[in-house]
Amino acid sequence: MDVTRILAELRQEREQIEEAIISLERLARGRGRRRGRPPAWMTEARKRVKEAAASRKSAASSKSASS
């Protein structure tokens, strides 16, 4: 067992963890409402989700009506 090598690896891992924490803190701090129009891919994704939910809802109501 090379203790100095283990310590060096642990210090390197600690630096990586600290960088990850800092990045996550920056992301959390910058999570305000965005201004302007959302990107096209986001609006398309929202449309698909709404359409899928509506079709599931209508399918469920038609099943209960036919029972």
Protein backbone atom coordinates (compact mmCIF):
# COMPACT_ATOMS: atom_id res chain seq x y z
CA MET A 1 0.00 0.00 0.00
CA ASP A 2 1.40 3.30 -1.07
CA VAL A 3 -0.17 5.82 1.29
CA THR A 4 1.12 8.85 -0.59
CA ARG A 5 -0.44 7.60 -3.82
CA ILE A 6 -3.77 6.99 -2.07
CA LEU A 7 -3.68 10.47 -0.55
CA ALA A 8 -2.95 12.04 -3.94
CA GLU A 9 -5.89 10.20 -5.51
CA LEU A 10 -8.20 11.23 -2.69
CA ARG A 11 -7.15 14.87 -3.01
CA GLN A 12 -7.81 14.73 -6.75
CA GLU A 13 -11.26 13.25 -6.14
CA ARG A 14 -11.98 15.96 -3.56
CA GLU A 15 -11.11 18.66 -6.12
CA GLN A 16 -13.45 17.06 -8.67
CA ILE A 17 -16.26 16.87 -6.12
CA GLU A 18 -15.75 20.52 -5.15
CA GLU A 19 -15.92 21.53 -8.82
CA ALA A 20 -19.12 19.55 -9.27
CA ILE A 21 -20.65 21.20 -6.19
CA ILE A 22 -19.73 24.66 -7.47
CA SER A 23 -21.26 23.89 -10.87
CA LEU A 24 -24.50 22.67 -9.29
CA GLU A 25 -24.68 25.72 -7.04
CA ARG A 26 -24.31 27.97 -10.09
CA LEU A 27 -27.08 26.09 -11.87
CA ALA A 28 -29.38 26.34 -8.86
CA ARG A 29 -28.73 30.06 -8.50
CA GLY A 30 -29.44 30.79 -12.16
CA ARG A 31 -32.79 29.01 -12.27
CA GLY A 32 -35.07 32.01 -12.66
CA ARG A 33 -37.86 32.45 -15.18
CA ARG A 34 -36.38 32.92 -18.61
CA ARG A 35 -37.46 35.83 -20.71
CA GLY A 36 -38.58 35.56 -24.28
CA ARG A 37 -39.99 32.79 -26.37
CA PRO A 38 -39.01 29.19 -25.59
CA PRO A 39 -37.05 27.26 -28.21
CA ALA A 40 -39.02 25.46 -30.92
CA TRP A 41 -38.02 22.00 -29.68
CA MET A 42 -39.45 22.80 -26.25
CA THR A 43 -42.81 23.95 -27.57
CA GLU A 44 -43.04 20.85 -29.77
CA ALA A 45 -42.27 18.62 -26.78
CA ARG A 46 -44.96 20.34 -24.71
CA LYS A 47 -47.49 19.89 -27.53
CA ARG A 48 -46.71 16.17 -27.73
CA VAL A 49 -47.11 15.74 -23.99
CA LYS A 50 -50.44 17.59 -23.98
CA GLU A 51 -51.72 15.58 -26.97
CA ALA A 52 -50.72 12.29 -25.34
CA ALA A 53 -52.44 13.26 -22.10
CA ALA A 54 -55.59 14.29 -23.97
CA SER A 55 -55.70 11.03 -25.92
CA ARG A 56 -55.22 9.00 -22.71
CA LYS A 57 -57.98 10.97 -21.04
CA SER A 58 -60.40 10.49 -23.94
CA ALA A 59 -59.55 6.77 -24.13
CA ALA A 60 -60.20 6.37 -20.41
CA SER A 61 -63.52 8.22 -20.63
CA SER A 62 -64.66 6.14 -23.61
CA LYS A 63 -63.79 2.92 -21.75
CA SER A 64 -65.79 3.96 -18.70
CA ALA A 65 -68.71 5.05 -20.88
CA SER A 66 -68.83 1.69 -22.67
CA SER A 67 -68.73 -0.31 -19.40
